Amino acid sequence: MDPKRNQLAYQEAAVRNASAIELVIVLYDILARDLHAAIEAMEAGNIELRTAKVKHGLLALQQLEGTLNLEEGAELATNLSRFYSMLRSRMMKAQIEQDAGILQELVQLLFNVREAWVELSGRLDGIPAAARAQSAPREPEEAPGAGQLHAASWKA
């Protein structure tokens, strides 16, 4: 059996069983993976691959934006909307200027926010589903020690 097919089947099963927060984390991983691939393509001078990866990253970002409920999400949703707009703008700037440094900065930012989602997911795992439904989600805080990790080596 093809290893890529096995990996795809595994990923599909994981997504089917994922919570909403876990799906957000998956989208962050996809976006980071695309940015890393775009950086590598940029450094190799591969315009076609760079463009494809930035485009795919923008699609992942669009999915993240589509999950926001600005009416019920209060300040968190508004802040995430601003964050996603900034990411899109910076991705486009990096693409136009062919600046891998901008993409590397975005990976660092994504890593920090992703870690906050992971921490929130972990906190919610310890809360019964009924209590979780009654409590309003809070803005994720930076994960302890996140500043000690190196985003340059983090790949989704």
N, C-alpha and C. Protein backbone atom coordinates (compact mmCIF):
# COMPACT_ATOMS: atom_id res chain seq x y z
N MET A 1 0.84 -1.18 0.00
CA MET A 1 0.00 0.00 0.00
C MET A 1 0.89 1.24 0.00
N ASP A 2 0.44 2.27 -0.65
CA ASP A 2 1.17 3.52 -0.80
C ASP A 2 1.25 4.28 0.53
N PRO A 3 2.46 4.65 0.99
CA PRO A 3 2.60 5.37 2.26
C PRO A 3 1.85 6.70 2.28
N LYS A 4 1.81 7.40 1.13
CA LYS A 4 1.07 8.67 1.08
C LYS A 4 -0.42 8.43 1.27
N ARG A 5 -0.92 7.34 0.71
CA ARG A 5 -2.34 7.00 0.89
C ARG A 5 -2.64 6.69 2.34
N ASN A 6 -1.73 5.96 2.98
CA ASN A 6 -1.92 5.65 4.40
C ASN A 6 -1.95 6.92 5.23
N GLN A 7 -1.04 7.84 4.95
CA GLN A 7 -0.99 9.10 5.69
C GLN A 7 -2.26 9.90 5.47
N LEU A 8 -2.74 9.96 4.24
CA LEU A 8 -3.97 10.69 3.93
C LEU A 8 -5.16 10.07 4.66
N ALA A 9 -5.24 8.74 4.68
CA ALA A 9 -6.34 8.06 5.39
C ALA A 9 -6.28 8.36 6.88
N TYR A 10 -5.08 8.35 7.42
CA TYR A 10 -4.90 8.66 8.85
C TYR A 10 -5.34 10.09 9.14
N GLN A 11 -4.93 11.02 8.30
CA GLN A 11 -5.29 12.43 8.49
C GLN A 11 -6.80 12.63 8.38
N GLU A 12 -7.43 11.96 7.43
CA GLU A 12 -8.88 12.08 7.27
C GLU A 12 -9.60 11.57 8.50
N ALA A 13 -9.15 10.44 9.05
CA ALA A 13 -9.77 9.89 10.26
C ALA A 13 -9.58 10.84 11.44
N ALA A 14 -8.40 11.43 11.55
CA ALA A 14 -8.13 12.36 12.65
C ALA A 14 -9.04 13.58 12.55
N VAL A 15 -9.26 14.09 11.35
CA VAL A 15 -10.10 15.27 11.17
C VAL A 15 -11.56 14.93 11.49
N ARG A 16 -12.01 13.75 11.09
CA ARG A 16 -13.40 13.36 11.36
C ARG A 16 -13.69 13.30 12.86
N ASN A 17 -12.70 12.96 13.65
CA ASN A 17 -12.90 12.81 15.09
C ASN A 17 -12.43 14.02 15.89
N ALA A 18 -12.06 15.10 15.23
CA ALA A 18 -11.48 16.26 15.90
C ALA A 18 -12.56 17.20 16.43
N SER A 19 -12.23 17.87 17.52
CA SER A 19 -13.09 18.92 18.05
C SER A 19 -12.90 20.18 17.20
N ALA A 20 -13.73 21.18 17.42
CA ALA A 20 -13.61 22.44 16.68
C ALA A 20 -12.24 23.07 16.89
N ILE A 21 -11.76 23.06 18.13
CA ILE A 21 -10.45 23.66 18.41
C ILE A 21 -9.34 22.85 17.74
N GLU A 22 -9.46 21.55 17.74
CA GLU A 22 -8.46 20.71 17.07
C GLU A 22 -8.43 20.97 15.56
N LEU A 23 -9.59 21.26 14.98
CA LEU A 23 -9.63 21.59 13.56
C LEU A 23 -8.95 22.93 13.29
N VAL A 24 -9.11 23.88 14.20
CA VAL A 24 -8.41 25.16 14.07
C VAL A 24 -6.90 24.92 14.11
N ILE A 25 -6.46 24.06 15.02
CA ILE A 25 -5.03 23.75 15.14
C ILE A 25 -4.54 23.09 13.86
N VAL A 26 -5.33 22.20 13.27
CA VAL A 26 -4.96 21.56 12.00
C VAL A 26 -4.78 22.61 10.92
N LEU A 27 -5.67 23.58 10.87
CA LEU A 27 -5.54 24.65 9.87
C LEU A 27 -4.29 25.49 10.09
N TYR A 28 -3.95 25.74 11.35
CA TYR A 28 -2.70 26.44 11.65
C TYR A 28 -1.51 25.61 11.15
N ASP A 29 -1.57 24.30 11.36
CA ASP A 29 -0.49 23.43 10.90
C ASP A 29 -0.36 23.45 9.38
N ILE A 30 -1.49 23.41 8.70
CA ILE A 30 -1.47 23.46 7.24
C ILE A 30 -0.87 24.77 6.77
N LEU A 31 -1.30 25.87 7.37
CA LEU A 31 -0.78 27.18 6.99
C LEU A 31 0.72 27.26 7.23
N ALA A 32 1.17 26.78 8.38
CA ALA A 32 2.61 26.81 8.68
C ALA A 32 3.39 25.93 7.70
N ARG A 33 2.86 24.77 7.38
CA ARG A 33 3.52 23.86 6.43
C ARG A 33 3.63 24.55 5.07
N ASP A 34 2.57 25.23 4.66
CA ASP A 34 2.62 25.94 3.38
C ASP A 34 3.64 27.07 3.40
N LEU A 35 3.71 27.80 4.50
CA LEU A 35 4.68 28.90 4.59
C LEU A 35 6.11 28.36 4.57
N HIS A 36 6.35 27.26 5.28
CA HIS A 36 7.69 26.65 5.24
C HIS A 36 8.04 26.23 3.82
N ALA A 37 7.11 25.60 3.13
CA ALA A 37 7.36 25.16 1.75
C ALA A 37 7.58 26.36 0.83
N ALA A 38 6.85 27.45 1.06
CA ALA A 38 7.03 28.65 0.26
C ALA A 38 8.41 29.26 0.50
N ILE A 39 8.86 29.23 1.75
CA ILE A 39 10.20 29.73 2.07
C ILE A 39 11.26 28.91 1.33
N GLU A 40 11.12 27.59 1.41
CA GLU A 40 12.09 26.71 0.72
C GLU A 40 12.07 26.94 -0.78
N ALA A 41 10.87 27.09 -1.36
CA ALA A 41 10.75 27.32 -2.79
C ALA A 41 11.35 28.67 -3.17
N MET A 42 11.13 29.67 -2.31
CA MET A 42 11.67 31.00 -2.56
C MET A 42 13.20 30.95 -2.56
N GLU A 43 13.75 30.24 -1.59
CA GLU A 43 15.21 30.13 -1.49
C GLU A 43 15.79 29.34 -2.66
N ALA A 44 15.01 28.42 -3.21
CA ALA A 44 15.47 27.63 -4.35
C ALA A 44 15.19 28.31 -5.69
N GLY A 45 14.47 29.44 -5.64
CA GLY A 45 14.15 30.15 -6.87
C GLY A 45 13.02 29.51 -7.66
N ASN A 46 12.22 28.68 -7.00
CA ASN A 46 11.12 27.99 -7.67
C ASN A 46 9.84 28.82 -7.53
N ILE A 47 9.61 29.67 -8.51
CA ILE A 47 8.49 30.61 -8.47
C ILE A 47 7.15 29.88 -8.48
N GLU A 48 7.03 28.86 -9.31
CA GLU A 48 5.76 28.14 -9.42
C GLU A 48 5.37 27.48 -8.10
N LEU A 49 6.31 26.79 -7.46
CA LEU A 49 6.01 26.13 -6.19
C LEU A 49 5.74 27.16 -5.10
N ARG A 50 6.54 28.23 -5.07
CA ARG A 50 6.32 29.29 -4.08
C ARG A 50 4.91 29.85 -4.20
N THR A 51 4.51 30.15 -5.40
CA THR A 51 3.18 30.71 -5.63
C THR A 51 2.09 29.73 -5.23
N ALA A 52 2.26 28.47 -5.56
CA ALA A 52 1.27 27.45 -5.21
C ALA A 52 1.14 27.31 -3.70
N LYS A 53 2.26 27.35 -3.00
CA LYS A 53 2.22 27.18 -1.54
C LYS A 53 1.62 28.41 -0.85
N VAL A 54 1.94 29.60 -1.34
CA VAL A 54 1.34 30.80 -0.76
C VAL A 54 -0.17 30.79 -1.03
N LYS A 55 -0.55 30.40 -2.24
CA LYS A 55 -1.97 30.33 -2.58
C LYS A 55 -2.70 29.33 -1.67
N HIS A 56 -2.11 28.17 -1.47
CA HIS A 56 -2.74 27.16 -0.61
C HIS A 56 -2.81 27.67 0.84
N GLY A 57 -1.78 28.36 1.29
CA GLY A 57 -1.79 28.95 2.62
C GLY A 57 -2.90 29.97 2.77
N LEU A 58 -3.14 30.74 1.71
CA LEU A 58 -4.22 31.72 1.75
C LEU A 58 -5.59 31.02 1.84
N LEU A 59 -5.71 29.86 1.23
CA LEU A 59 -6.96 29.09 1.34
C LEU A 59 -7.16 28.59 2.77
N ALA A 60 -6.08 28.13 3.41
CA ALA A 60 -6.18 27.70 4.81
C ALA A 60 -6.57 28.89 5.69
N LEU A 61 -5.97 30.03 5.40
CA LEU A 61 -6.29 31.24 6.15
C LEU A 61 -7.75 31.63 5.95
N GLN A 62 -8.24 31.47 4.74
CA GLN A 62 -9.65 31.76 4.45
C GLN A 62 -10.56 30.84 5.27
N GLN A 63 -10.17 29.58 5.41
CA GLN A 63 -10.96 28.65 6.23
C GLN A 63 -10.97 29.09 7.69
N LEU A 64 -9.82 29.53 8.19
CA LEU A 64 -9.76 30.03 9.57
C LEU A 64 -10.68 31.23 9.75
N GLU A 65 -10.63 32.14 8.80
CA GLU A 65 -11.49 33.33 8.89
C GLU A 65 -12.96 32.94 8.83
N GLY A 66 -13.28 31.91 8.07
CA GLY A 66 -14.65 31.47 7.93
C GLY A 66 -15.22 30.87 9.21
N THR A 67 -14.36 30.48 10.14
CA THR A 67 -14.83 29.91 11.40
C THR A 67 -15.20 30.98 12.42
N LEU A 68 -14.82 32.21 12.16
CA LEU A 68 -15.06 33.28 13.13
C LEU A 68 -16.53 33.67 13.17
N ASN A 69 -17.04 33.86 14.37
CA ASN A 69 -18.38 34.37 14.57
C ASN A 69 -18.23 35.72 15.26
N LEU A 70 -18.19 36.78 14.47
CA LEU A 70 -17.93 38.10 15.01
C LEU A 70 -19.04 38.60 15.93
N GLU A 71 -20.25 38.10 15.74
CA GLU A 71 -21.36 38.53 16.59
C GLU A 71 -21.28 37.91 17.98
N GLU A 72 -20.97 36.62 18.05
CA GLU A 72 -20.94 35.93 19.34
C GLU A 72 -19.54 35.81 19.92
N GLY A 73 -18.53 35.99 19.09
CA GLY A 73 -17.16 35.78 19.53
C GLY A 73 -16.53 36.95 20.25
N ALA A 74 -17.23 38.07 20.29
CA ALA A 74 -16.80 39.26 21.02
C ALA A 74 -15.38 39.67 20.62
N GLU A 75 -14.61 40.08 21.61
CA GLU A 75 -13.28 40.64 21.37
C GLU A 75 -12.32 39.61 20.76
N LEU A 76 -12.43 38.35 21.18
CA LEU A 76 -11.54 37.32 20.64
C LEU A 76 -11.71 37.19 19.13
N ALA A 77 -12.94 37.11 18.66
CA ALA A 77 -13.18 36.97 17.23
C ALA A 77 -12.68 38.19 16.47
N THR A 78 -12.89 39.37 17.03
CA THR A 78 -12.43 40.60 16.39
C THR A 78 -10.90 40.61 16.30
N ASN A 79 -10.24 40.23 17.38
CA ASN A 79 -8.77 40.20 17.39
C ASN A 79 -8.23 39.15 16.42
N LEU A 80 -8.87 37.99 16.37
CA LEU A 80 -8.43 36.97 15.41
C LEU A 80 -8.66 37.43 13.98
N SER A 81 -9.76 38.12 13.74
CA SER A 81 -10.02 38.65 12.40
C SER A 81 -8.91 39.63 11.98
N ARG A 82 -8.51 40.49 12.89
CA ARG A 82 -7.41 41.42 12.61
C ARG A 82 -6.10 40.67 12.36
N PHE A 83 -5.86 39.65 13.18
CA PHE A 83 -4.65 38.84 13.03
C PHE A 83 -4.63 38.17 11.66
N TYR A 84 -5.75 37.58 11.26
CA TYR A 84 -5.81 36.90 9.97
C TYR A 84 -5.66 37.90 8.81
N SER A 85 -6.22 39.09 8.95
CA SER A 85 -6.05 40.11 7.92
C SER A 85 -4.59 40.52 7.78
N MET A 86 -3.92 40.66 8.93
CA MET A 86 -2.50 41.01 8.91
C MET A 86 -1.69 39.89 8.25
N LEU A 87 -2.01 38.63 8.58
CA LEU A 87 -1.31 37.50 7.97
C LEU A 87 -1.46 37.54 6.45
N ARG A 88 -2.69 37.74 5.98
CA ARG A 88 -2.94 37.77 4.55
C ARG A 88 -2.14 38.89 3.88
N SER A 89 -2.17 40.05 4.48
CA SER A 89 -1.46 41.19 3.92
C SER A 89 0.05 40.92 3.85
N ARG A 90 0.59 40.37 4.94
CA ARG A 90 2.04 40.09 4.98
C ARG A 90 2.41 38.95 4.02
N MET A 91 1.54 37.96 3.87
CA MET A 91 1.81 36.88 2.92
C MET A 91 1.88 37.44 1.49
N MET A 92 0.96 38.33 1.18
CA MET A 92 0.96 38.93 -0.15
C MET A 92 2.21 39.78 -0.37
N LYS A 93 2.59 40.53 0.65
CA LYS A 93 3.81 41.35 0.56
C LYS A 93 5.04 40.47 0.34
N ALA A 94 5.12 39.37 1.09
CA ALA A 94 6.25 38.45 0.94
C ALA A 94 6.28 37.85 -0.46
N GLN A 95 5.11 37.54 -0.99
CA GLN A 95 5.02 36.97 -2.34
C GLN A 95 5.49 37.98 -3.37
N ILE A 96 5.02 39.19 -3.26
CA ILE A 96 5.36 40.23 -4.24
C ILE A 96 6.85 40.59 -4.15
N GLU A 97 7.33 40.75 -2.93
CA GLU A 97 8.73 41.16 -2.74
C GLU A 97 9.70 39.98 -2.70
N GLN A 98 9.17 38.76 -2.76
CA GLN A 98 9.97 37.55 -2.66
C GLN A 98 10.88 37.59 -1.44
N ASP A 99 10.25 37.86 -0.30
CA ASP A 99 10.97 38.05 0.96
C ASP A 99 10.66 36.90 1.92
N ALA A 100 11.59 35.96 2.01
CA ALA A 100 11.41 34.80 2.90
C ALA A 100 11.40 35.22 4.36
N GLY A 101 12.06 36.32 4.69
CA GLY A 101 12.10 36.80 6.07
C GLY A 101 10.71 37.13 6.60
N ILE A 102 9.87 37.70 5.75
CA ILE A 102 8.50 38.01 6.17
C ILE A 102 7.77 36.72 6.49
N LEU A 103 7.92 35.72 5.64
CA LEU A 103 7.24 34.44 5.88
C LEU A 103 7.74 33.78 7.16
N GLN A 104 9.04 33.90 7.43
CA GLN A 104 9.58 33.32 8.66
C GLN A 104 8.99 34.01 9.89
N GLU A 105 8.81 35.33 9.82
CA GLU A 105 8.17 36.06 10.93
C GLU A 105 6.74 35.57 11.13
N LEU A 106 6.03 35.32 10.04
CA LEU A 106 4.66 34.84 10.13
C LEU A 106 4.58 33.46 10.76
N VAL A 107 5.55 32.61 10.44
CA VAL A 107 5.59 31.28 11.04
C VAL A 107 5.74 31.40 12.56
N GLN A 108 6.58 32.32 13.00
CA GLN A 108 6.76 32.54 14.45
C GLN A 108 5.46 32.99 15.09
N LEU A 109 4.78 33.94 14.46
CA LEU A 109 3.50 34.42 14.98
C LEU A 109 2.47 33.29 15.02
N LEU A 110 2.41 32.52 13.94
CA LEU A 110 1.47 31.39 13.90
C LEU A 110 1.77 30.40 15.00
N PHE A 111 3.04 30.14 15.22
CA PHE A 111 3.43 29.19 16.25
C PHE A 111 2.93 29.65 17.62
N ASN A 112 3.10 30.92 17.92
CA ASN A 112 2.68 31.43 19.23
C ASN A 112 1.17 31.31 19.42
N VAL A 113 0.41 31.67 18.40
CA VAL A 113 -1.04 31.60 18.51
C VAL A 113 -1.50 30.14 18.51
N ARG A 114 -0.85 29.31 17.71
CA ARG A 114 -1.18 27.88 17.69
C ARG A 114 -0.98 27.26 19.07
N GLU A 115 0.10 27.61 19.72
CA GLU A 115 0.38 27.07 21.05
C GLU A 115 -0.70 27.49 22.05
N ALA A 116 -1.22 28.69 21.89
CA ALA A 116 -2.31 29.13 22.76
C ALA A 116 -3.56 28.28 22.52
N TRP A 117 -3.85 27.95 21.26
CA TRP A 117 -4.99 27.08 20.96
C TRP A 117 -4.77 25.68 21.54
N VAL A 118 -3.54 25.18 21.44
CA VAL A 118 -3.23 23.86 22.01
C VAL A 118 -3.45 23.87 23.52
N GLU A 119 -2.99 24.93 24.17
CA GLU A 119 -3.18 25.05 25.62
C GLU A 119 -4.67 25.10 25.96
N LEU A 120 -5.42 25.89 25.21
CA LEU A 120 -6.86 25.98 25.45
C LEU A 120 -7.54 24.63 25.26
N SER A 121 -7.13 23.92 24.23
CA SER A 121 -7.69 22.59 23.98
C SER A 121 -7.40 21.66 25.15
N GLY A 122 -6.18 21.72 25.67
CA GLY A 122 -5.81 20.90 26.82
C GLY A 122 -6.62 21.25 28.05
N ARG A 123 -6.86 22.53 28.25
CA ARG A 123 -7.66 22.96 29.40
C ARG A 123 -9.10 22.46 29.28
N LEU A 124 -9.64 22.53 28.07
CA LEU A 124 -11.02 22.11 27.86
C LEU A 124 -11.18 20.59 27.94
N ASP A 125 -10.12 19.86 27.68
CA ASP A 125 -10.20 18.39 27.79
C ASP A 125 -10.52 17.96 29.21
N GLY A 126 -10.12 18.77 30.19
CA GLY A 126 -10.38 18.44 31.58
C GLY A 126 -11.73 18.91 32.08
N ILE A 127 -12.50 19.58 31.20
CA ILE A 127 -13.81 20.11 31.59
C ILE A 127 -14.89 19.24 30.96
N PRO A 128 -15.86 18.78 31.73
CA PRO A 128 -16.96 18.00 31.15
C PRO A 128 -17.67 18.78 30.05
N ALA A 129 -18.19 18.07 29.06
CA ALA A 129 -18.82 18.71 27.90
C ALA A 129 -19.95 19.65 28.30
N ALA A 130 -20.76 19.28 29.29
CA ALA A 130 -21.88 20.14 29.70
C ALA A 130 -21.37 21.47 30.25
N ALA A 131 -20.33 21.42 31.05
CA ALA A 131 -19.76 22.65 31.62
C ALA A 131 -19.11 23.48 30.53
N ARG A 132 -18.49 22.81 29.56
CA ARG A 132 -17.85 23.50 28.46
C ARG A 132 -18.87 24.27 27.63
N ALA A 133 -20.03 23.70 27.41
CA ALA A 133 -21.07 24.34 26.61
C ALA A 133 -21.60 25.59 27.31
N GLN A 134 -21.59 25.60 28.65
CA GLN A 134 -22.12 26.74 29.40
C GLN A 134 -21.11 27.88 29.54
N SER A 135 -19.83 27.56 29.53
CA SER A 135 -18.82 28.61 29.74
C SER A 135 -18.45 29.25 28.41
N ALA A 136 -18.32 30.56 28.42
CA ALA A 136 -17.93 31.29 27.21
C ALA A 136 -16.44 31.13 27.01
N PRO A 137 -16.00 30.92 25.76
CA PRO A 137 -14.56 30.78 25.52
C PRO A 137 -13.83 32.09 25.80
N ARG A 138 -12.63 31.95 26.38
CA ARG A 138 -11.78 33.11 26.66
C ARG A 138 -10.72 33.20 25.59
N GLU A 139 -10.13 34.36 25.50
CA GLU A 139 -9.03 34.54 24.56
C GLU A 139 -7.87 33.68 25.01
N PRO A 140 -7.28 32.88 24.07
CA PRO A 140 -6.16 32.03 24.46
C PRO A 140 -4.98 32.87 24.94
N GLU A 141 -4.31 32.38 25.97
CA GLU A 141 -3.11 33.04 26.48
C GLU A 141 -1.90 32.34 25.88
N GLU A 142 -0.78 33.02 25.90
CA GLU A 142 0.43 32.40 25.39
C GLU A 142 0.79 31.21 26.27
N ALA A 143 1.13 30.12 25.63
CA ALA A 143 1.47 28.91 26.35
C ALA A 143 2.74 29.13 27.16
N PRO A 144 2.80 28.57 28.38
CA PRO A 144 4.03 28.72 29.17
C PRO A 144 5.22 28.13 28.43
N GLY A 145 6.27 28.88 28.37
CA GLY A 145 7.49 28.41 27.73
C GLY A 145 7.48 28.53 26.22
N ALA A 146 6.41 29.07 25.63
CA ALA A 146 6.36 29.17 24.18
C ALA A 146 7.49 30.03 23.65
N GLY A 147 7.88 31.04 24.40
CA GLY A 147 8.97 31.89 23.96
C GLY A 147 10.30 31.17 23.95
N GLN A 148 10.39 30.04 24.64
CA GLN A 148 11.64 29.29 24.68
C GLN A 148 11.79 28.37 23.48
N LEU A 149 10.70 28.12 22.75
CA LEU A 149 10.76 27.24 21.60
C LEU A 149 11.22 28.03 20.38
N HIS A 150 11.81 27.34 19.46
CA HIS A 150 12.33 28.00 18.27
C HIS A 150 11.43 27.71 17.09
N ALA A 151 10.73 28.73 16.61
CA ALA A 151 9.78 28.55 15.51
C ALA A 151 10.49 28.16 14.23
N ALA A 152 11.74 28.54 14.06
CA ALA A 152 12.46 28.22 12.85
C ALA A 152 12.55 26.71 12.65
N SER A 153 12.57 25.95 13.74
CA SER A 153 12.66 24.50 13.61
C SER A 153 11.31 23.83 13.64
N TRP A 154 10.25 24.59 13.92
CA TRP A 154 8.91 24.02 14.00
C TRP A 154 8.35 23.90 12.61
N LYS A 155 7.91 22.71 12.26
CA LYS A 155 7.27 22.49 10.96
C LYS A 155 6.01 21.70 11.21
N ALA A 156 4.97 22.11 10.53
CA ALA A 156 3.69 21.42 10.67
C ALA A 156 3.69 20.14 9.87
